[in-house]
Amino acid sequence: MMKRVRRVLSELHHCERGAEGLEKLLLLAALILPLLGILIFYGADIRDWLVDLWDTMRGDSEDLARPQ
C-alpha cells in the first residue's frame, strides 16, 4: 500500500501536462495587468487626448468639405 502511494505521488510530481498552459496564463496576466493599471490610472487623460484629436480631425475634414 505504501509503495503504491509513493509511486502515485512520484508520478504527480513529475507530471508536466498542465505546466505549459499555466505558463501561458501567467505570461498573459503579466502583460495584461500592467496595461489595465495604466488604463485605470491614465484613463481620463487618454480620453481627453482622444477627444481633442477627434475634434481636430473633424474640424479639418469640415474645412476640406466646405466649398471655396
Foldseek 3Di string as FASTA:
>chain_A
DVVVVVVVVVVVVPDCPCVVVVVVVVVVCVVVVVVVVCCVVCVVVVVVVVVVVVVVVVVVVVVVPDDD
